[in-house]
Amino acid sequence: MKNKKGFTLVEMIVVIAIIGILLAVLVPTWSYFIMRANVRSQNNYSKVIFNAAQTQATREKFIERAEFNKVSDLTLSNEERKAAADKLFVGKHADFFIYWNGHKGVALNWNDGETVDTTIPQDKVDSFVNAVNKVFSHEDDTVYKIYIKDYKVESVCSAVSENTENIGSYPEIQEGRSRNQTVKSYNMRKINLDSTDDDYVPNANANANE
């Protein structure tokens, strides 16, 4: 009978060590590219939301034009100007935020951009987000925040949930994860969401080689 051949203990240890080294290199790299793909998807989603929101904001501007002009018309009484202001939605505030949590839209306070502003009628907010979501078809699995100033959409950020750091935005394009940031808490008046640390990237030259 021929002797059966098999792996020696040393050979098995060497193979296991090689597999361990490969996993140590590949797993962080793979996670990094998955993160980048997720952020880029959210950048694209944010662009769609941005364009849809700007279309609706422009529509609101035409709807509110007559009442908006009355507010600044000094020939009218204070009561008439106040009544006109009460009919405004987008034009009532210099800037404000609309937040969609995946199920419902709410207006956020212009001062902190995070707490709910109960002075803005909910039906107006619903009308606005419904118009946006008719264009954006991923509203059920996306949270987003829109920053509007003087009938102009300044910026949008979005993510699959509030519990992820993979946040995308537009017109500022994100390249990495946003640590210690959420869609709702982020101050849209700032420019850059991305707070990726250099040591998070498995290969320090990864960005330069793309």
N, C-alpha and C. Protein backbone atom coordinates (compact mmCIF):
# COMPACT_ATOMS: atom_id res chain seq x y z
N MET A 1 0.83 -1.21 0.00
CA MET A 1 0.00 0.00 0.00
C MET A 1 0.87 1.26 0.00
N LYS A 2 0.41 2.19 -0.75
CA LYS A 2 1.13 3.46 -0.79
C LYS A 2 0.76 4.29 0.42
N ASN A 3 1.71 5.03 0.93
CA ASN A 3 1.44 5.91 2.06
C ASN A 3 0.61 7.11 1.59
N LYS A 4 -0.43 7.45 2.35
CA LYS A 4 -1.25 8.60 2.02
C LYS A 4 -0.49 9.89 2.34
N LYS A 5 -0.56 10.83 1.38
CA LYS A 5 0.12 12.10 1.58
C LYS A 5 -0.88 13.14 2.10
N GLY A 6 -0.44 14.03 2.92
CA GLY A 6 -1.28 15.10 3.45
C GLY A 6 -0.43 16.31 3.79
N PHE A 7 -1.09 17.36 4.29
CA PHE A 7 -0.37 18.56 4.68
C PHE A 7 0.29 18.36 6.03
N THR A 8 1.47 18.87 6.15
CA THR A 8 2.12 18.86 7.45
C THR A 8 1.58 20.01 8.28
N LEU A 9 1.82 20.00 9.56
CA LEU A 9 1.35 21.06 10.46
C LEU A 9 1.95 22.40 10.07
N VAL A 10 3.21 22.40 9.68
CA VAL A 10 3.88 23.63 9.29
C VAL A 10 3.23 24.23 8.04
N GLU A 11 2.93 23.34 7.06
CA GLU A 11 2.29 23.81 5.83
C GLU A 11 0.92 24.41 6.12
N MET A 12 0.16 23.78 6.99
CA MET A 12 -1.17 24.30 7.33
C MET A 12 -1.06 25.65 8.01
N ILE A 13 -0.08 25.79 8.89
CA ILE A 13 0.11 27.07 9.60
C ILE A 13 0.47 28.17 8.60
N VAL A 14 1.33 27.83 7.62
CA VAL A 14 1.72 28.81 6.61
C VAL A 14 0.51 29.25 5.77
N VAL A 15 -0.31 28.27 5.34
CA VAL A 15 -1.50 28.59 4.55
C VAL A 15 -2.46 29.47 5.34
N ILE A 16 -2.70 29.12 6.60
CA ILE A 16 -3.60 29.92 7.45
C ILE A 16 -3.07 31.34 7.62
N ALA A 17 -1.75 31.45 7.78
CA ALA A 17 -1.15 32.78 7.94
C ALA A 17 -1.33 33.62 6.69
N ILE A 18 -1.15 33.00 5.51
CA ILE A 18 -1.32 33.72 4.25
C ILE A 18 -2.77 34.18 4.08
N ILE A 19 -3.73 33.29 4.40
CA ILE A 19 -5.14 33.65 4.32
C ILE A 19 -5.45 34.81 5.25
N GLY A 20 -4.89 34.77 6.46
CA GLY A 20 -5.12 35.85 7.42
C GLY A 20 -4.60 37.18 6.92
N ILE A 21 -3.40 37.16 6.28
CA ILE A 21 -2.83 38.40 5.74
C ILE A 21 -3.69 38.95 4.61
N LEU A 22 -4.15 38.05 3.73
CA LEU A 22 -5.01 38.48 2.62
C LEU A 22 -6.30 39.09 3.12
N LEU A 23 -6.91 38.47 4.14
CA LEU A 23 -8.15 39.01 4.70
C LEU A 23 -7.92 40.36 5.35
N ALA A 24 -6.78 40.51 6.03
CA ALA A 24 -6.47 41.77 6.70
C ALA A 24 -6.33 42.91 5.70
N VAL A 25 -5.88 42.57 4.48
CA VAL A 25 -5.72 43.58 3.44
C VAL A 25 -7.01 43.83 2.68
N LEU A 26 -7.72 42.75 2.33
CA LEU A 26 -8.87 42.85 1.45
C LEU A 26 -10.13 43.35 2.14
N VAL A 27 -10.38 42.92 3.37
CA VAL A 27 -11.63 43.30 4.05
C VAL A 27 -11.76 44.81 4.24
N PRO A 28 -10.73 45.51 4.80
CA PRO A 28 -10.87 46.97 4.92
C PRO A 28 -11.01 47.66 3.57
N THR A 29 -10.26 47.16 2.56
CA THR A 29 -10.34 47.77 1.23
C THR A 29 -11.72 47.59 0.63
N TRP A 30 -12.28 46.39 0.76
CA TRP A 30 -13.61 46.11 0.24
C TRP A 30 -14.65 46.97 0.95
N SER A 31 -14.51 47.11 2.27
CA SER A 31 -15.45 47.95 3.04
C SER A 31 -15.37 49.40 2.60
N TYR A 32 -14.16 49.83 2.30
CA TYR A 32 -13.98 51.20 1.85
C TYR A 32 -14.69 51.46 0.52
N PHE A 33 -14.55 50.54 -0.42
CA PHE A 33 -15.16 50.74 -1.73
C PHE A 33 -16.69 50.62 -1.65
N ILE A 34 -17.19 49.77 -0.74
CA ILE A 34 -18.63 49.71 -0.52
C ILE A 34 -19.14 51.04 0.01
N MET A 35 -18.39 51.61 0.98
CA MET A 35 -18.76 52.91 1.53
C MET A 35 -18.78 53.98 0.45
N ARG A 36 -17.74 53.99 -0.40
CA ARG A 36 -17.66 54.99 -1.46
C ARG A 36 -18.83 54.84 -2.44
N ALA A 37 -19.19 53.60 -2.75
CA ALA A 37 -20.31 53.36 -3.66
C ALA A 37 -21.61 53.87 -3.05
N ASN A 38 -21.80 53.64 -1.73
CA ASN A 38 -23.01 54.11 -1.06
C ASN A 38 -23.09 55.63 -1.04
N VAL A 39 -21.96 56.28 -0.75
CA VAL A 39 -21.94 57.75 -0.71
C VAL A 39 -22.23 58.32 -2.09
N ARG A 40 -21.66 57.72 -3.13
CA ARG A 40 -21.89 58.21 -4.48
C ARG A 40 -23.35 58.04 -4.90
N SER A 41 -23.96 56.95 -4.45
CA SER A 41 -25.39 56.77 -4.73
C SER A 41 -26.20 57.88 -4.08
N GLN A 42 -25.84 58.22 -2.84
CA GLN A 42 -26.55 59.29 -2.14
C GLN A 42 -26.27 60.65 -2.76
N ASN A 43 -25.07 60.86 -3.31
CA ASN A 43 -24.81 62.09 -4.05
C ASN A 43 -25.77 62.22 -5.24
N ASN A 44 -25.96 61.12 -5.95
CA ASN A 44 -26.88 61.12 -7.10
C ASN A 44 -28.32 61.35 -6.65
N TYR A 45 -28.71 60.70 -5.56
CA TYR A 45 -30.06 60.90 -5.03
C TYR A 45 -30.26 62.36 -4.62
N SER A 46 -29.23 62.93 -3.97
CA SER A 46 -29.33 64.32 -3.52
C SER A 46 -29.51 65.27 -4.69
N LYS A 47 -28.86 64.95 -5.81
CA LYS A 47 -29.00 65.80 -7.00
C LYS A 47 -30.43 65.75 -7.53
N VAL A 48 -31.02 64.55 -7.56
CA VAL A 48 -32.40 64.42 -8.03
C VAL A 48 -33.34 65.20 -7.11
N ILE A 49 -33.15 65.06 -5.80
CA ILE A 49 -33.97 65.77 -4.82
C ILE A 49 -33.80 67.28 -4.98
N PHE A 50 -32.55 67.71 -5.15
CA PHE A 50 -32.24 69.13 -5.32
C PHE A 50 -33.01 69.71 -6.50
N ASN A 51 -32.94 69.06 -7.64
CA ASN A 51 -33.62 69.56 -8.83
C ASN A 51 -35.14 69.57 -8.68
N ALA A 52 -35.67 68.50 -8.07
CA ALA A 52 -37.12 68.44 -7.85
C ALA A 52 -37.56 69.52 -6.87
N ALA A 53 -36.77 69.73 -5.82
CA ALA A 53 -37.11 70.74 -4.82
C ALA A 53 -37.04 72.15 -5.41
N GLN A 54 -36.05 72.38 -6.27
CA GLN A 54 -35.93 73.71 -6.89
C GLN A 54 -37.10 73.98 -7.82
N THR A 55 -37.54 72.96 -8.53
CA THR A 55 -38.72 73.11 -9.39
C THR A 55 -39.94 73.50 -8.56
N GLN A 56 -40.12 72.82 -7.42
CA GLN A 56 -41.27 73.12 -6.57
C GLN A 56 -41.14 74.49 -5.92
N ALA A 57 -39.93 74.85 -5.50
CA ALA A 57 -39.72 76.17 -4.89
C ALA A 57 -40.04 77.28 -5.89
N THR A 58 -39.66 77.08 -7.14
CA THR A 58 -39.97 78.06 -8.19
C THR A 58 -41.47 78.15 -8.42
N ARG A 59 -42.13 77.00 -8.39
CA ARG A 59 -43.58 76.97 -8.53
C ARG A 59 -44.25 77.73 -7.38
N GLU A 60 -43.74 77.53 -6.18
CA GLU A 60 -44.28 78.25 -5.02
C GLU A 60 -44.06 79.76 -5.16
N LYS A 61 -42.95 80.12 -5.74
CA LYS A 61 -42.66 81.56 -5.92
C LYS A 61 -43.71 82.21 -6.80
N PHE A 62 -44.11 81.56 -7.87
CA PHE A 62 -45.15 82.11 -8.75
C PHE A 62 -46.50 82.13 -8.04
N ILE A 63 -46.77 81.08 -7.26
CA ILE A 63 -48.05 81.01 -6.54
C ILE A 63 -48.14 82.12 -5.50
N GLU A 64 -47.03 82.40 -4.84
CA GLU A 64 -47.03 83.35 -3.72
C GLU A 64 -46.69 84.78 -4.14
N ARG A 65 -46.42 85.00 -5.41
CA ARG A 65 -45.93 86.30 -5.84
C ARG A 65 -46.85 87.45 -5.43
N ALA A 66 -48.15 87.29 -5.66
CA ALA A 66 -49.09 88.37 -5.34
C ALA A 66 -49.08 88.70 -3.85
N GLU A 67 -49.14 87.65 -3.02
CA GLU A 67 -49.15 87.88 -1.57
C GLU A 67 -47.80 88.40 -1.09
N PHE A 68 -46.73 87.92 -1.69
CA PHE A 68 -45.40 88.37 -1.31
C PHE A 68 -45.23 89.87 -1.58
N ASN A 69 -45.74 90.32 -2.71
CA ASN A 69 -45.66 91.75 -3.05
C ASN A 69 -46.47 92.60 -2.08
N LYS A 70 -47.58 92.05 -1.60
CA LYS A 70 -48.41 92.80 -0.65
C LYS A 70 -47.68 93.04 0.67
N VAL A 71 -46.86 92.08 1.06
CA VAL A 71 -46.15 92.20 2.34
C VAL A 71 -45.25 93.43 2.35
N SER A 72 -44.63 93.74 1.24
CA SER A 72 -43.72 94.88 1.16
C SER A 72 -44.38 96.15 0.62
N ASP A 73 -45.69 96.10 0.42
CA ASP A 73 -46.41 97.25 -0.10
C ASP A 73 -46.83 98.16 1.06
N LEU A 74 -46.12 99.29 1.20
CA LEU A 74 -46.36 100.20 2.32
C LEU A 74 -47.67 100.98 2.18
N THR A 75 -48.30 100.89 1.02
CA THR A 75 -49.58 101.57 0.86
C THR A 75 -50.71 100.79 1.51
N LEU A 76 -50.47 99.55 1.86
CA LEU A 76 -51.47 98.72 2.53
C LEU A 76 -51.37 98.87 4.03
N SER A 77 -52.45 98.56 4.71
CA SER A 77 -52.45 98.64 6.17
C SER A 77 -51.65 97.48 6.75
N ASN A 78 -51.30 97.61 8.04
CA ASN A 78 -50.55 96.55 8.71
C ASN A 78 -51.35 95.24 8.72
N GLU A 79 -52.66 95.36 8.89
CA GLU A 79 -53.52 94.18 8.92
C GLU A 79 -53.51 93.46 7.57
N GLU A 80 -53.56 94.25 6.50
CA GLU A 80 -53.55 93.64 5.16
C GLU A 80 -52.21 92.98 4.85
N ARG A 81 -51.14 93.62 5.28
CA ARG A 81 -49.81 93.05 5.05
C ARG A 81 -49.60 91.78 5.88
N LYS A 82 -50.12 91.80 7.10
CA LYS A 82 -50.00 90.61 7.95
C LYS A 82 -50.80 89.45 7.38
N ALA A 83 -52.01 89.77 6.89
CA ALA A 83 -52.85 88.73 6.30
C ALA A 83 -52.17 88.11 5.08
N ALA A 84 -51.48 88.94 4.30
CA ALA A 84 -50.76 88.44 3.14
C ALA A 84 -49.59 87.55 3.57
N ALA A 85 -48.88 87.97 4.63
CA ALA A 85 -47.74 87.19 5.13
C ALA A 85 -48.18 85.83 5.64
N ASP A 86 -49.35 85.79 6.26
CA ASP A 86 -49.86 84.53 6.81
C ASP A 86 -50.18 83.51 5.72
N LYS A 87 -50.39 83.99 4.49
CA LYS A 87 -50.71 83.09 3.39
C LYS A 87 -49.46 82.51 2.71
N LEU A 88 -48.29 83.05 3.08
CA LEU A 88 -47.05 82.61 2.47
C LEU A 88 -46.55 81.32 3.10
N PHE A 89 -45.82 80.55 2.32
CA PHE A 89 -45.17 79.34 2.82
C PHE A 89 -43.66 79.47 2.65
N VAL A 90 -43.17 79.32 1.43
CA VAL A 90 -41.73 79.43 1.19
C VAL A 90 -41.25 80.85 1.41
N GLY A 91 -42.04 81.82 0.99
CA GLY A 91 -41.62 83.21 1.07
C GLY A 91 -41.76 83.84 2.44
N LYS A 92 -42.32 83.11 3.41
CA LYS A 92 -42.54 83.68 4.73
C LYS A 92 -41.26 83.78 5.53
N HIS A 93 -40.29 82.92 5.21
CA HIS A 93 -39.03 82.90 5.95
C HIS A 93 -37.87 83.16 4.99
N ALA A 94 -36.86 83.87 5.48
CA ALA A 94 -35.69 84.13 4.65
C ALA A 94 -35.03 82.81 4.25
N ASP A 95 -34.93 81.90 5.21
CA ASP A 95 -34.43 80.56 4.90
C ASP A 95 -35.01 79.57 5.90
N PHE A 96 -35.17 78.35 5.45
CA PHE A 96 -35.69 77.29 6.32
C PHE A 96 -35.35 75.93 5.74
N PHE A 97 -35.71 74.90 6.48
CA PHE A 97 -35.32 73.54 6.12
C PHE A 97 -36.55 72.63 6.08
N ILE A 98 -36.53 71.69 5.15
CA ILE A 98 -37.54 70.64 5.10
C ILE A 98 -36.82 69.30 5.25
N TYR A 99 -37.32 68.49 6.16
CA TYR A 99 -36.70 67.20 6.45
C TYR A 99 -37.70 66.07 6.17
N TRP A 100 -37.25 65.07 5.43
CA TRP A 100 -38.05 63.89 5.14
C TRP A 100 -37.43 62.71 5.86
N ASN A 101 -38.20 62.05 6.74
CA ASN A 101 -37.65 60.97 7.56
C ASN A 101 -37.88 59.57 6.98
N GLY A 102 -38.32 59.53 5.74
CA GLY A 102 -38.61 58.25 5.09
C GLY A 102 -40.09 57.93 5.10
N HIS A 103 -40.86 58.69 5.92
CA HIS A 103 -42.30 58.47 6.00
C HIS A 103 -43.09 59.77 5.96
N LYS A 104 -42.47 60.83 6.49
CA LYS A 104 -43.19 62.09 6.62
C LYS A 104 -42.20 63.25 6.50
N GLY A 105 -42.70 64.36 5.97
CA GLY A 105 -41.90 65.56 5.89
C GLY A 105 -42.27 66.55 6.98
N VAL A 106 -41.27 67.26 7.51
CA VAL A 106 -41.51 68.29 8.53
C VAL A 106 -40.64 69.50 8.20
N ALA A 107 -41.10 70.67 8.62
CA ALA A 107 -40.29 71.88 8.50
C ALA A 107 -39.45 72.01 9.76
N LEU A 108 -38.19 72.38 9.59
CA LEU A 108 -37.29 72.54 10.72
C LEU A 108 -37.01 74.01 10.96
N ASN A 109 -36.80 74.35 12.23
CA ASN A 109 -36.56 75.73 12.62
C ASN A 109 -35.37 76.33 11.88
N TRP A 110 -35.55 77.53 11.37
CA TRP A 110 -34.51 78.18 10.57
C TRP A 110 -33.28 78.48 11.38
N ASN A 111 -33.44 78.63 12.71
CA ASN A 111 -32.33 79.04 13.56
C ASN A 111 -31.33 77.91 13.81
N ASP A 112 -31.86 76.72 14.18
CA ASP A 112 -30.95 75.61 14.47
C ASP A 112 -30.98 74.52 13.41
N GLY A 113 -31.98 74.56 12.53
CA GLY A 113 -32.04 73.58 11.45
C GLY A 113 -32.30 72.16 11.91
N GLU A 114 -32.82 71.99 13.13
CA GLU A 114 -32.99 70.63 13.64
C GLU A 114 -34.33 70.41 14.34
N THR A 115 -34.77 71.38 15.13
CA THR A 115 -36.04 71.21 15.83
C THR A 115 -37.20 71.53 14.88
N VAL A 116 -38.33 70.87 15.10
CA VAL A 116 -39.50 71.04 14.23
C VAL A 116 -40.09 72.43 14.42
N ASP A 117 -40.40 73.08 13.31
CA ASP A 117 -41.02 74.42 13.32
C ASP A 117 -42.54 74.24 13.16
N THR A 118 -43.26 74.38 14.24
CA THR A 118 -44.71 74.16 14.23
C THR A 118 -45.47 75.35 13.67
N THR A 119 -44.79 76.46 13.39
CA THR A 119 -45.48 77.63 12.84
C THR A 119 -45.73 77.48 11.34
N ILE A 120 -45.05 76.54 10.70
CA ILE A 120 -45.25 76.31 9.28
C ILE A 120 -46.32 75.25 9.09
N PRO A 121 -47.39 75.55 8.37
CA PRO A 121 -48.50 74.60 8.21
C PRO A 121 -48.04 73.26 7.64
N GLN A 122 -48.48 72.17 8.28
CA GLN A 122 -48.08 70.85 7.85
C GLN A 122 -48.57 70.51 6.45
N ASP A 123 -49.76 71.02 6.11
CA ASP A 123 -50.28 70.71 4.78
C ASP A 123 -49.42 71.31 3.67
N LYS A 124 -48.80 72.46 3.95
CA LYS A 124 -47.89 73.07 2.98
C LYS A 124 -46.63 72.22 2.82
N VAL A 125 -46.13 71.72 3.95
CA VAL A 125 -44.94 70.86 3.91
C VAL A 125 -45.26 69.57 3.15
N ASP A 126 -46.42 68.99 3.44
CA ASP A 126 -46.83 67.75 2.76
C ASP A 126 -46.91 67.96 1.25
N SER A 127 -47.47 69.09 0.86
CA SER A 127 -47.59 69.39 -0.57
C SER A 127 -46.22 69.49 -1.22
N PHE A 128 -45.28 70.10 -0.51
CA PHE A 128 -43.93 70.29 -1.05
C PHE A 128 -43.21 68.95 -1.21
N VAL A 129 -43.20 68.13 -0.15
CA VAL A 129 -42.47 66.86 -0.22
C VAL A 129 -43.16 65.89 -1.18
N ASN A 130 -44.47 65.97 -1.29
CA ASN A 130 -45.17 65.11 -2.25
C ASN A 130 -44.74 65.43 -3.68
N ALA A 131 -44.55 66.72 -3.95
CA ALA A 131 -44.10 67.13 -5.28
C ALA A 131 -42.67 66.63 -5.54
N VAL A 132 -41.83 66.70 -4.51
CA VAL A 132 -40.45 66.22 -4.65
C VAL A 132 -40.44 64.71 -4.85
N ASN A 133 -41.24 64.01 -4.06
CA ASN A 133 -41.23 62.54 -4.11
C ASN A 133 -41.88 61.97 -5.37
N LYS A 134 -42.64 62.78 -6.07
CA LYS A 134 -43.16 62.33 -7.36
C LYS A 134 -42.04 62.17 -8.38
N VAL A 135 -40.99 62.95 -8.18
CA VAL A 135 -39.81 62.88 -9.06
C VAL A 135 -38.79 61.90 -8.49
N PHE A 136 -38.59 61.96 -7.18
CA PHE A 136 -37.63 61.09 -6.51
C PHE A 136 -38.34 59.81 -6.09
N SER A 137 -37.93 58.68 -6.63
CA SER A 137 -38.68 57.43 -6.44
C SER A 137 -38.15 56.53 -5.33
N HIS A 138 -37.21 57.04 -4.52
CA HIS A 138 -36.63 56.21 -3.46
C HIS A 138 -36.95 56.78 -2.08
N GLU A 139 -38.08 57.46 -1.97
CA GLU A 139 -38.40 58.13 -0.71
C GLU A 139 -38.64 57.18 0.45
N ASP A 140 -39.02 55.92 0.16
CA ASP A 140 -39.31 54.98 1.23
C ASP A 140 -38.06 54.47 1.93
N ASP A 141 -36.91 54.54 1.27
CA ASP A 141 -35.68 54.05 1.88
C ASP A 141 -34.60 55.13 1.90
N THR A 142 -35.04 56.39 2.02
CA THR A 142 -34.10 57.52 2.06
C THR A 142 -34.60 58.58 3.02
N VAL A 143 -33.68 59.17 3.77
CA VAL A 143 -33.98 60.38 4.53
C VAL A 143 -33.22 61.52 3.88
N TYR A 144 -33.85 62.69 3.83
CA TYR A 144 -33.15 63.81 3.21
C TYR A 144 -33.53 65.13 3.88
N LYS A 145 -32.70 66.11 3.63
CA LYS A 145 -32.90 67.44 4.20
C LYS A 145 -32.63 68.48 3.12
N ILE A 146 -33.55 69.44 2.99
CA ILE A 146 -33.46 70.47 1.95
C ILE A 146 -33.31 71.83 2.62
N TYR A 147 -32.34 72.59 2.17
CA TYR A 147 -32.13 73.95 2.68
C TYR A 147 -32.57 74.93 1.61
N ILE A 148 -33.56 75.77 1.95
CA ILE A 148 -34.13 76.72 1.00
C ILE A 148 -33.91 78.14 1.51
N LYS A 149 -33.48 79.01 0.64
CA LYS A 149 -33.27 80.42 1.00
C LYS A 149 -33.77 81.30 -0.13
N ASP A 150 -34.72 82.17 0.19
CA ASP A 150 -35.27 83.11 -0.79
C ASP A 150 -35.73 82.40 -2.07
N TYR A 151 -36.52 81.35 -1.88
CA TYR A 151 -37.09 80.57 -2.98
C TYR A 151 -36.03 79.79 -3.78
N LYS A 152 -34.83 79.73 -3.27
CA LYS A 152 -33.76 79.01 -3.96
C LYS A 152 -33.26 77.87 -3.08
N VAL A 153 -33.17 76.67 -3.65
CA VAL A 153 -32.62 75.54 -2.91
C VAL A 153 -31.11 75.68 -2.88
N GLU A 154 -30.57 75.83 -1.68
CA GLU A 154 -29.14 76.03 -1.51
C GLU A 154 -28.38 74.71 -1.49
N SER A 155 -28.93 73.71 -0.80
CA SER A 155 -28.23 72.44 -0.69
C SER A 155 -29.18 71.34 -0.24
N VAL A 156 -28.77 70.10 -0.50
CA VAL A 156 -29.53 68.91 -0.10
C VAL A 156 -28.54 67.87 0.39
N CYS A 157 -28.89 67.15 1.45
CA CYS A 157 -28.11 65.98 1.84
C CYS A 157 -29.07 64.83 2.07
N SER A 158 -28.58 63.60 1.90
CA SER A 158 -29.44 62.43 2.01
C SER A 158 -28.64 61.21 2.45
N ALA A 159 -29.37 60.21 2.98
CA ALA A 159 -28.76 58.95 3.40
C ALA A 159 -29.86 57.90 3.45
N VAL A 160 -29.48 56.65 3.61
CA VAL A 160 -30.49 55.59 3.69
C VAL A 160 -31.20 55.61 5.04
N SER A 161 -30.58 56.20 6.06
CA SER A 161 -31.20 56.31 7.38
C SER A 161 -30.45 57.35 8.19
N GLU A 162 -30.99 57.67 9.35
CA GLU A 162 -30.32 58.62 10.24
C GLU A 162 -29.13 57.99 10.95
N ASN A 163 -29.03 56.67 10.90
CA ASN A 163 -28.00 55.97 11.67
C ASN A 163 -26.77 55.61 10.84
N THR A 164 -26.64 56.20 9.66
CA THR A 164 -25.49 55.89 8.82
C THR A 164 -24.61 57.12 8.64
N GLU A 165 -23.32 56.88 8.46
CA GLU A 165 -22.39 57.97 8.18
C GLU A 165 -22.14 58.14 6.69
N ASN A 166 -22.80 57.31 5.89
CA ASN A 166 -22.64 57.40 4.43
C ASN A 166 -23.65 58.39 3.88
N ILE A 167 -23.34 59.67 4.04
CA ILE A 167 -24.24 60.75 3.65
C ILE A 167 -23.74 61.39 2.36
N GLY A 168 -24.64 61.56 1.42
CA GLY A 168 -24.31 62.25 0.19
C GLY A 168 -24.95 63.62 0.16
N SER A 169 -24.51 64.48 -0.74
CA SER A 169 -25.09 65.82 -0.81
C SER A 169 -24.93 66.40 -2.21
N TYR A 170 -25.62 67.51 -2.42
CA TYR A 170 -25.54 68.24 -3.69
C TYR A 170 -25.94 69.70 -3.41
N PRO A 171 -25.27 70.69 -4.00
CA PRO A 171 -24.24 70.59 -5.03
C PRO A 171 -22.85 70.24 -4.51
N GLU A 172 -22.64 70.25 -3.19
CA GLU A 172 -21.37 69.79 -2.65
C GLU A 172 -21.33 68.26 -2.76
N ILE A 173 -20.36 67.72 -3.48
CA ILE A 173 -20.27 66.29 -3.70
C ILE A 173 -19.38 65.66 -2.64
N GLN A 174 -19.89 64.62 -1.98
CA GLN A 174 -19.13 63.94 -0.93
C GLN A 174 -18.29 62.81 -1.50
N GLU A 175 -17.14 62.59 -0.86
CA GLU A 175 -16.23 61.52 -1.29
C GLU A 175 -16.04 60.46 -0.22
N GLY A 176 -16.33 60.77 1.01
CA GLY A 176 -16.12 59.81 2.10
C GLY A 176 -17.24 59.88 3.11
N ARG A 177 -17.15 59.06 4.14
CA ARG A 177 -18.18 59.04 5.15
C ARG A 177 -18.12 60.30 6.02
N SER A 178 -19.22 60.62 6.64
CA SER A 178 -19.33 61.84 7.44
C SER A 178 -19.46 61.46 8.90
N ARG A 179 -18.38 61.47 9.58
CA ARG A 179 -18.36 61.03 10.97
C ARG A 179 -19.06 62.04 11.87
N ASN A 180 -19.78 61.49 12.84
CA ASN A 180 -20.48 62.30 13.86
C ASN A 180 -21.48 63.27 13.24
N GLN A 181 -22.00 62.94 12.06
CA GLN A 181 -23.01 63.76 11.40
C GLN A 181 -24.21 62.89 11.08
N THR A 182 -25.39 63.50 11.12
CA THR A 182 -26.60 62.85 10.63
C THR A 182 -27.29 63.82 9.69
N VAL A 183 -28.19 63.30 8.89
CA VAL A 183 -28.90 64.17 7.94
C VAL A 183 -29.68 65.25 8.68
N LYS A 184 -30.38 64.87 9.74
CA LYS A 184 -31.24 65.84 10.44
C LYS A 184 -30.44 66.87 11.21
N SER A 185 -29.36 66.45 11.86
CA SER A 185 -28.62 67.38 12.72
C SER A 185 -27.64 68.26 11.95
N TYR A 186 -27.34 67.91 10.73
CA TYR A 186 -26.32 68.66 10.01
C TYR A 186 -26.80 70.06 9.65
N ASN A 187 -25.94 71.02 9.90
CA ASN A 187 -26.25 72.41 9.58
C ASN A 187 -25.94 72.65 8.10
N MET A 188 -26.97 72.78 7.29
CA MET A 188 -26.80 72.88 5.84
C MET A 188 -26.15 74.20 5.42
N ARG A 189 -26.01 75.14 6.33
CA ARG A 189 -25.34 76.40 5.97
C ARG A 189 -23.83 76.20 5.87
N LYS A 190 -23.34 75.10 6.44
CA LYS A 190 -21.92 74.78 6.29
C LYS A 190 -21.70 74.22 4.89
N ILE A 191 -20.46 74.17 4.49
CA ILE A 191 -20.16 73.76 3.12
C ILE A 191 -19.93 72.27 3.01
N ASN A 192 -19.08 71.70 3.85
CA ASN A 192 -18.62 70.33 3.63
C ASN A 192 -19.07 69.37 4.71
N LEU A 193 -19.78 68.34 4.30
CA LEU A 193 -20.17 67.27 5.22
C LEU A 193 -19.01 66.33 5.53
N ASP A 194 -18.20 66.07 4.54
CA ASP A 194 -17.19 65.02 4.61
C ASP A 194 -16.15 65.32 5.69
N SER A 195 -16.04 64.43 6.66
CA SER A 195 -15.02 64.58 7.71
C SER A 195 -14.19 63.31 7.79
N THR A 196 -13.97 62.65 6.66
CA THR A 196 -13.21 61.42 6.62
C THR A 196 -11.77 61.66 7.03
N ASP A 197 -11.28 60.84 7.93
CA ASP A 197 -9.89 60.92 8.33
C ASP A 197 -9.02 60.22 7.29
N ASP A 198 -7.81 60.72 7.08
CA ASP A 198 -6.92 60.12 6.11
C ASP A 198 -6.61 58.67 6.44
N ASP A 199 -6.53 58.35 7.74
CA ASP A 199 -6.16 56.99 8.12
C ASP A 199 -7.32 56.01 7.96
N TYR A 200 -8.48 56.52 7.60
CA TYR A 200 -9.60 55.60 7.37
C TYR A 200 -9.43 54.88 6.04
N VAL A 201 -8.79 55.54 5.07
CA VAL A 201 -8.60 54.95 3.75
C VAL A 201 -7.52 53.89 3.84
N PRO A 202 -7.80 52.64 3.45
CA PRO A 202 -6.80 51.58 3.54
C PRO A 202 -5.51 51.91 2.82
N ASN A 203 -5.63 52.53 1.66
CA ASN A 203 -4.46 52.92 0.89
C ASN A 203 -4.42 54.43 0.83
N ALA A 204 -3.36 55.03 1.34
CA ALA A 204 -3.29 56.49 1.43
C ALA A 204 -3.35 57.14 0.05
N ASN A 205 -3.00 56.37 -1.01
CA ASN A 205 -3.01 56.91 -2.36
C ASN A 205 -4.27 56.52 -3.12
N ALA A 206 -5.28 55.95 -2.41
CA ALA A 206 -6.47 55.43 -3.08
C ALA A 206 -7.18 56.52 -3.85
N ASN A 207 -7.35 57.70 -3.23
CA ASN A 207 -8.07 58.78 -3.91
C ASN A 207 -7.31 59.29 -5.13
N ALA A 208 -5.97 59.35 -5.01
CA ALA A 208 -5.18 59.88 -6.09
C ALA A 208 -5.17 58.98 -7.30
N ASN A 209 -5.38 57.67 -7.07
CA ASN A 209 -5.32 56.72 -8.16
C ASN A 209 -6.63 56.53 -8.87
N GLU A 210 -7.74 57.13 -8.36
CA GLU A 210 -9.06 56.91 -8.96
C GLU A 210 -9.25 57.85 -10.13
